[in-house]
């Protein structure tokens, strides 16, 4: 069995292909074999993406949400949450400060909030592009015309996590939408020329290794440019309040296997990982991850964007948070990227 798993890892690192059965096998490996998996993923990351870690400045500009997702603290049924919306000028000034700190990408994220119509966001994107920033949007399910308008305004990337590739589990957790609708949005974004980001949650109730293998194969099929994988963290004001946290170790295995499958994708060491285990962000950067997304949202709003409680970095000023993350990256023998961190796909395609 040991020789077999080593062969699977070796071939995956070389060919970037795995069957569902092989993925399940890797996700269930322990100890020595886990270390081999992590080391192989780290080598693939270094070969294709180098040692640079990309920092994306995250701006969480609204915690209003029309949806009732059963795991999310922003769900419209959470009446205990104090809601906020940043003005367009506040968002712009926050991005301006992020640029001054050295960020070359900003990620604009919110709940599903229709208050910000297509024209408002398009105008904001235009202003941000004039600063020389790459712009990632994460505004949920919208119409094709809205996606098109934002792309024409200059938006570079769009992040829309699929959360789980199991249609029945998706529907049980998301009463307001279907997995089919979400995947259709991801395909629309691809057709419009966005660099597409998706991802999943590890530790959802009803999930198993086969479900997680399907998540990874879906990300492979979509050929995403970005993929965020984080552990489930229960929120006390949701129907899943009593569900245990997701496993850090299994989340790290998911990142490592995905690095073998998608050598050119940008994979973040997620905030959710750092929230469950402070040391796991460094671990993720050692098993395939190459992105960190420090929160640059104004301090008065940070604690209110409560998808899950006690989020890492919430009580730390943006300057201090960035400094701490840079120290972590440096301690690992890595460096902070100075470019916008666009997908390297075109570069590799041109070479081949």
Protein backbone atom coordinates (compact mmCIF):
# COMPACT_ATOMS: atom_id res chain seq x y z
CA UNK A 1 0.00 0.00 0.00
CA UNK A 2 2.85 2.37 0.88
CA UNK A 3 4.50 1.90 -2.50
CA UNK A 4 1.17 2.36 -4.24
CA UNK A 5 0.44 5.69 -2.56
CA UNK A 6 3.93 6.94 -3.39
CA UNK A 7 3.31 6.03 -7.03
CA UNK A 8 0.01 7.90 -7.01
CA UNK A 9 1.69 11.01 -5.60
CA UNK A 10 4.59 10.78 -8.04
CA UNK A 11 2.34 10.36 -11.08
CA UNK A 12 -0.03 13.11 -9.98
CA UNK A 13 2.86 15.54 -9.53
CA UNK A 14 4.02 14.70 -13.04
CA UNK A 15 0.73 14.41 -14.96
CA UNK A 16 -1.66 16.48 -12.82
CA UNK A 17 -4.40 13.89 -13.15
CA UNK A 18 -6.11 11.76 -10.49
CA UNK A 19 -9.15 9.51 -10.40
CA UNK A 20 -11.79 9.94 -7.72
CA UNK A 21 -10.60 6.73 -6.05
CA UNK A 22 -7.02 8.01 -5.99
CA UNK A 23 -8.10 11.31 -4.47
CA UNK A 24 -10.03 9.52 -1.73
CA UNK A 25 -6.95 7.39 -1.09
CA UNK A 26 -4.76 10.50 -0.73
CA UNK A 27 -7.25 12.30 1.50
CA UNK A 28 -7.27 9.32 3.86
CA UNK A 29 -3.47 8.95 4.07
CA UNK A 30 -1.69 9.50 7.37
CA UNK A 31 1.70 10.43 8.85
CA UNK A 32 4.60 9.64 6.51
CA UNK A 33 2.43 9.52 3.40
CA UNK A 34 0.78 12.80 4.33
CA UNK A 35 4.22 14.39 4.58
CA UNK A 36 5.08 12.98 1.14
CA UNK A 37 1.87 14.44 -0.28
CA UNK A 38 2.59 17.87 1.21
CA UNK A 39 6.19 17.84 0.00
CA UNK A 40 5.13 16.90 -3.55
CA UNK A 41 2.53 19.68 -3.61
CA UNK A 42 5.12 22.18 -2.40
CA UNK A 43 7.52 21.13 -5.17
CA UNK A 44 4.80 21.56 -7.80
CA UNK A 45 3.99 25.02 -6.44
CA UNK A 46 7.66 26.02 -6.57
CA UNK A 47 8.14 24.62 -10.09
CA UNK A 48 5.20 26.44 -11.65
CA UNK A 49 4.69 29.52 -9.48
CA UNK A 50 8.00 30.13 -7.73
CA UNK A 51 8.49 31.27 -4.16
CA UNK A 52 6.47 34.49 -4.27
CA UNK A 53 3.35 34.76 -2.11
CA UNK A 54 0.65 37.08 -3.44
CA UNK A 55 -1.13 39.33 -0.95
CA UNK A 56 -4.67 40.38 -1.84
CA UNK A 57 -6.26 43.18 0.17
CA UNK A 58 -9.75 42.07 1.20
CA UNK A 59 -12.45 44.72 1.53
CA UNK A 60 -15.70 43.38 3.01
CA UNK A 61 -17.97 46.24 2.02
CA UNK A 62 -21.43 45.04 3.11
CA UNK A 63 -22.76 42.39 5.47
CA UNK A 64 -26.34 42.61 4.20
CA UNK A 65 -27.46 39.40 2.51
CA UNK A 66 -30.76 38.30 1.02
CA UNK A 67 -29.92 34.59 1.37
CA UNK A 68 -30.56 32.05 4.13
CA UNK A 69 -27.52 29.76 3.81
CA UNK A 70 -27.66 27.46 6.84
CA UNK A 71 -23.99 27.83 7.84
CA UNK A 72 -23.38 31.56 7.31
CA UNK A 73 -23.55 34.23 10.00
CA UNK A 74 -24.56 36.84 7.40
CA UNK A 75 -27.79 34.95 6.60
CA UNK A 76 -30.81 37.22 6.46
CA UNK A 77 -32.40 35.33 9.37
CA UNK A 78 -29.66 36.43 11.78
CA UNK A 79 -31.46 39.29 13.52
CA UNK A 80 -28.70 39.76 16.11
CA UNK A 81 -26.14 40.95 13.55
CA UNK A 82 -25.66 44.71 13.22
CA UNK A 83 -25.72 45.41 9.50
CA UNK A 84 -23.55 47.87 7.59
CA UNK A 85 -22.92 49.10 4.09
CA UNK A 86 -19.81 51.01 3.13
CA UNK A 87 -20.35 53.94 0.78
CA UNK A 88 -18.71 53.83 -2.62
CA UNK A 89 -16.33 56.55 -1.47
CA UNK A 90 -15.44 54.58 1.67
CA UNK A 91 -14.63 51.56 -0.47
CA UNK A 92 -12.49 53.64 -2.78
CA UNK A 93 -10.59 55.31 0.08
CA UNK A 94 -10.00 51.88 1.68
CA UNK A 95 -8.58 50.61 -1.62
CA UNK A 96 -6.44 53.74 -1.85
CA UNK A 97 -4.96 53.00 1.59
CA UNK A 98 -4.41 49.36 0.60
CA UNK A 99 -2.53 50.50 -2.49
CA UNK A 100 -0.36 52.77 -0.33
CA UNK A 101 0.47 49.79 1.90
CA UNK A 102 1.74 47.90 -1.13
CA UNK A 103 -1.23 45.80 -2.24
CA UNK A 104 -1.58 45.36 -5.99
CA UNK A 105 -4.88 43.47 -5.86
CA UNK A 106 -8.05 44.26 -3.94
CA UNK A 107 -10.89 41.81 -3.40
CA UNK A 108 -14.32 43.44 -3.04
CA UNK A 109 -16.55 41.04 -1.12
CA UNK A 110 -20.06 41.34 0.25
CA UNK A 111 -23.16 39.37 1.05
CA UNK A 112 -25.73 39.08 -1.70
CA UNK A 113 -26.77 42.73 -1.44
CA UNK A 114 -28.73 44.23 -4.31
CA UNK A 115 -28.27 47.76 -2.92
CA UNK A 116 -25.09 48.02 -4.98
CA UNK A 117 -26.43 47.92 -8.50
CA UNK A 118 -24.38 47.11 -11.57
CA UNK A 119 -23.66 50.73 -12.47
CA UNK A 120 -22.37 51.62 -8.98
CA UNK A 121 -19.93 48.74 -8.93
CA UNK A 122 -18.85 49.32 -12.54
CA UNK A 123 -18.02 52.97 -11.80
CA UNK A 124 -16.06 51.91 -8.71
CA UNK A 125 -14.10 49.32 -10.70
CA UNK A 126 -13.17 52.00 -13.25
CA UNK A 127 -11.79 54.23 -10.49
CA UNK A 128 -9.82 51.39 -8.91
CA UNK A 129 -8.26 50.37 -12.21
CA UNK A 130 -6.87 53.90 -12.58
CA UNK A 131 -4.86 53.26 -9.41
CA UNK A 132 -3.10 50.37 -11.11
CA UNK A 133 -4.90 47.75 -9.02
CA UNK A 134 -6.10 44.35 -10.12
CA UNK A 135 -9.74 43.99 -9.05
CA UNK A 136 -11.41 40.81 -7.84
CA UNK A 137 -15.16 40.91 -7.25
CA UNK A 138 -17.06 38.56 -4.95
CA UNK A 139 -20.65 39.72 -5.07
CA UNK A 140 -22.49 36.44 -5.41
CA UNK A 141 -24.99 35.32 -8.03
CA UNK A 142 -25.79 38.10 -10.48
CA UNK A 143 -27.08 38.32 -14.03
CA UNK A 144 -24.96 37.82 -17.12
CA UNK A 145 -25.44 41.50 -18.01
CA UNK A 146 -24.11 42.61 -14.63
CA UNK A 147 -21.08 40.35 -14.96
CA UNK A 148 -20.53 41.68 -18.49
CA UNK A 149 -20.73 45.33 -17.39
CA UNK A 150 -18.21 44.78 -14.59
CA UNK A 151 -15.84 42.94 -16.90
CA UNK A 152 -16.05 45.77 -19.44
CA UNK A 153 -15.35 48.23 -16.61
CA UNK A 154 -12.06 46.41 -15.99
CA UNK A 155 -12.74 43.78 -13.31
CA UNK A 156 -10.07 41.11 -13.63
CA UNK A 157 -11.36 38.27 -11.48
CA UNK A 158 -14.53 36.96 -9.94
CA UNK A 159 -14.71 34.72 -6.88
CA UNK A 160 -17.80 32.52 -6.51
CA UNK A 161 -17.27 29.45 -4.36
CA UNK A 162 -19.36 26.43 -5.28
CA UNK A 163 -19.16 25.39 -1.57
CA UNK A 164 -20.01 21.71 -2.28
CA UNK A 165 -20.25 19.69 -5.50
CA UNK A 166 -23.03 17.50 -4.08
CA UNK A 167 -26.33 18.90 -5.50
CA UNK A 168 -28.49 17.50 -2.68
CA UNK A 169 -26.17 18.76 0.04
CA UNK A 170 -25.91 22.11 -1.71
CA UNK A 171 -29.71 22.47 -1.77
CA UNK A 172 -30.01 21.45 1.88
CA UNK A 173 -27.57 24.20 2.85
CA UNK A 174 -28.66 26.83 0.31
CA UNK A 175 -32.47 27.09 0.17
CA UNK A 176 -32.27 30.17 -2.08
CA UNK A 177 -30.34 28.66 -5.00
CA UNK A 178 -29.19 25.47 -6.69
CA UNK A 179 -25.77 24.13 -7.53
CA UNK A 180 -26.77 24.19 -11.20
CA UNK A 181 -27.44 27.93 -11.01
CA UNK A 182 -24.11 28.56 -9.31
CA UNK A 183 -22.18 26.51 -11.85
CA UNK A 184 -23.96 28.33 -14.67
CA UNK A 185 -22.69 31.62 -13.22
CA UNK A 186 -19.13 30.26 -13.15
CA UNK A 187 -19.43 29.30 -16.82
CA UNK A 188 -20.79 32.75 -17.68
CA UNK A 189 -17.82 34.34 -15.93
CA UNK A 190 -15.48 32.11 -17.91
CA UNK A 191 -17.10 33.12 -21.21
CA UNK A 192 -16.72 36.79 -20.30
CA UNK A 193 -12.97 36.42 -19.82
CA UNK A 194 -12.72 36.70 -16.05
CA UNK A 195 -10.04 34.88 -14.13
CA UNK A 196 -12.43 32.61 -12.27
CA UNK A 197 -12.23 31.64 -8.62
CA UNK A 198 -14.26 29.03 -6.77
CA UNK A 199 -13.76 26.71 -3.80
CA UNK A 200 -15.38 24.60 -1.12
CA UNK A 201 -15.88 24.12 2.61
CA UNK A 202 -14.42 21.13 4.46
CA UNK A 203 -16.46 19.66 7.31
CA UNK A 204 -20.04 20.33 6.27
CA UNK A 205 -22.59 17.95 7.82
CA UNK A 206 -23.40 15.14 5.39
CA UNK A 207 -20.06 15.46 3.62
CA UNK A 208 -17.61 12.58 3.17
CA UNK A 209 -14.35 11.89 1.33
CA UNK A 210 -16.21 11.03 -1.86
CA UNK A 211 -17.99 14.40 -1.72
CA UNK A 212 -14.68 16.18 -1.21
CA UNK A 213 -13.09 14.26 -4.09
CA UNK A 214 -15.96 15.51 -6.27
CA UNK A 215 -15.19 19.07 -5.14
CA UNK A 216 -11.59 18.74 -6.32
CA UNK A 217 -12.57 17.13 -9.62
CA UNK A 218 -15.09 19.91 -10.24
CA UNK A 219 -12.39 22.56 -9.67
CA UNK A 220 -10.19 20.61 -12.09
CA UNK A 221 -12.99 20.45 -14.66
CA UNK A 222 -13.66 24.18 -14.33
CA UNK A 223 -9.90 24.79 -14.63
CA UNK A 224 -10.19 27.69 -12.17
CA UNK A 225 -7.51 30.32 -11.83
CA UNK A 226 -8.15 30.57 -8.07
CA UNK A 227 -9.54 28.15 -5.50
CA UNK A 228 -10.18 28.76 -1.82
CA UNK A 229 -10.57 25.79 0.51
CA UNK A 230 -11.28 26.33 4.19
CA UNK A 231 -12.64 24.39 7.17
CA UNK A 232 -16.23 24.79 8.28
CA UNK A 233 -16.58 27.03 11.35
CA UNK A 234 -19.99 27.03 13.09
CA UNK A 235 -21.76 30.29 13.85
CA UNK A 236 -24.00 30.39 16.95
CA UNK A 237 -26.84 32.19 15.12
CA UNK A 238 -27.25 29.57 12.39
CA UNK A 239 -28.99 26.18 12.16
CA UNK A 240 -25.55 24.52 12.13
CA UNK A 241 -24.41 26.08 15.41
CA UNK A 242 -23.78 22.71 17.06
CA UNK A 243 -21.84 21.13 14.17
CA UNK A 244 -18.11 20.58 14.95
CA UNK A 245 -15.44 22.59 13.18
CA UNK A 246 -13.92 21.17 10.03
CA UNK A 247 -10.60 19.36 10.20
CA UNK A 248 -7.47 21.44 9.60
CA UNK A 249 -5.52 18.35 8.54
CA UNK A 250 -8.13 17.32 5.97
CA UNK A 251 -8.29 20.89 4.66
CA UNK A 252 -4.51 20.91 4.18
CA UNK A 253 -4.73 17.59 2.33
CA UNK A 254 -7.38 19.09 0.05
CA UNK A 255 -5.09 22.03 -0.75
CA UNK A 256 -2.18 19.69 -1.44
CA UNK A 257 -4.16 17.40 -3.74
CA UNK A 258 -5.61 20.37 -5.59
CA UNK A 259 -2.10 21.75 -6.14
CA UNK A 260 -1.19 18.46 -7.82
CA UNK A 261 -4.29 18.72 -10.03
CA UNK A 262 -4.02 22.44 -10.83
CA UNK A 263 -0.35 23.46 -10.86
CA UNK A 264 -1.05 26.96 -12.22
CA UNK A 265 -3.93 27.92 -9.92
CA UNK A 266 -3.59 30.49 -7.16
CA UNK A 267 -4.47 28.78 -3.87
CA UNK A 268 -4.88 30.87 -0.70
CA UNK A 269 -3.95 29.94 2.83
CA UNK A 270 -7.43 30.93 3.94
CA UNK A 271 -8.44 33.05 6.89
CA UNK A 272 -10.73 30.23 8.03
CA UNK A 273 -7.69 27.98 8.42
CA UNK A 274 -5.87 30.61 10.46
CA UNK A 275 -8.99 31.07 12.60
CA UNK A 276 -9.21 27.38 13.53
CA UNK A 277 -5.45 26.99 14.02
CA UNK A 278 -3.01 29.91 14.07
CA UNK A 279 -0.17 27.79 12.69
CA UNK A 280 -2.17 26.34 9.80
CA UNK A 281 -1.60 29.34 7.53
CA UNK A 282 2.13 28.56 7.49
CA UNK A 283 1.33 24.88 6.97
CA UNK A 284 -0.86 25.70 3.99
CA UNK A 285 1.95 27.74 2.43
CA UNK A 286 4.14 24.65 2.78
CA UNK A 287 1.74 22.28 1.04
CA UNK A 288 0.77 24.15 -2.11
CA UNK A 289 -0.75 27.51 -1.19
CA UNK A 290 0.71 30.73 -2.63
CA UNK A 291 -1.79 33.46 -1.67
CA UNK A 292 -2.83 35.22 1.54
CA UNK A 293 -5.76 37.64 1.73
CA UNK A 294 -5.23 40.10 4.61
CA UNK A 295 -8.33 42.00 5.65
CA UNK A 296 -8.03 45.75 4.97
CA UNK A 297 -11.66 46.58 5.79
CA UNK A 298 -11.96 49.62 8.12
CA UNK A 299 -11.71 48.53 11.73
CA UNK A 300 -15.24 49.66 12.64
CA UNK A 301 -16.71 47.18 10.15
CA UNK A 302 -14.36 44.19 10.47
CA UNK A 303 -16.08 42.50 13.40
CA UNK A 304 -19.48 42.88 11.74
CA UNK A 305 -18.61 40.79 8.67
CA UNK A 306 -19.21 37.67 10.70
CA UNK A 307 -19.59 34.72 8.35
CA UNK A 308 -18.13 32.82 11.29
CA UNK A 309 -17.06 34.15 14.72
CA UNK A 310 -13.61 35.22 15.95
CA UNK A 311 -12.16 35.54 12.48
CA UNK A 312 -8.35 35.76 12.42
CA UNK A 313 -7.02 39.30 12.01
CA UNK A 314 -10.27 41.00 13.02
CA UNK A 315 -8.78 42.82 16.00
CA UNK A 316 -5.54 43.76 14.26
CA UNK A 317 -4.98 46.99 12.34
CA UNK A 318 -4.38 46.55 8.60
CA UNK A 319 -0.77 47.77 8.81
CA UNK A 320 0.07 45.40 11.67
CA UNK A 321 -1.74 42.49 10.01
CA UNK A 322 0.24 42.97 6.81
CA UNK A 323 3.50 43.21 8.75
CA UNK A 324 2.78 39.99 10.64
CA UNK A 325 1.96 38.12 7.46
CA UNK A 326 5.11 39.37 5.73
CA UNK A 327 7.15 38.19 8.73
CA UNK A 328 5.52 34.77 8.44
CA UNK A 329 6.26 34.55 4.71
CA UNK A 330 9.87 35.62 5.24
CA UNK A 331 10.35 33.09 8.04
CA UNK A 332 9.34 30.36 5.58
CA UNK A 333 12.08 31.45 3.16
CA UNK A 334 9.51 32.88 0.76
CA UNK A 335 9.06 36.40 -0.56
CA UNK A 336 6.13 38.72 -1.12
CA UNK A 337 5.12 39.18 -4.74
CA UNK A 338 5.30 42.71 -6.11
CA UNK A 339 3.13 42.21 -9.20
CA UNK A 340 -0.66 41.95 -9.54
CA UNK A 341 -0.54 38.17 -9.57
CA UNK A 342 -2.56 37.43 -12.69
CA UNK A 343 -2.98 33.84 -13.76
CA UNK A 344 0.23 32.45 -15.34
CA UNK A 345 -1.78 30.27 -17.75
CA UNK A 346 -1.14 32.42 -20.82
CA UNK A 347 2.57 32.52 -20.13
CA UNK A 348 2.81 28.75 -19.87
CA UNK A 349 0.61 28.23 -22.91
CA UNK A 350 2.86 30.55 -24.93
CA UNK A 351 5.92 28.53 -23.89
CA UNK A 352 4.34 25.22 -24.77
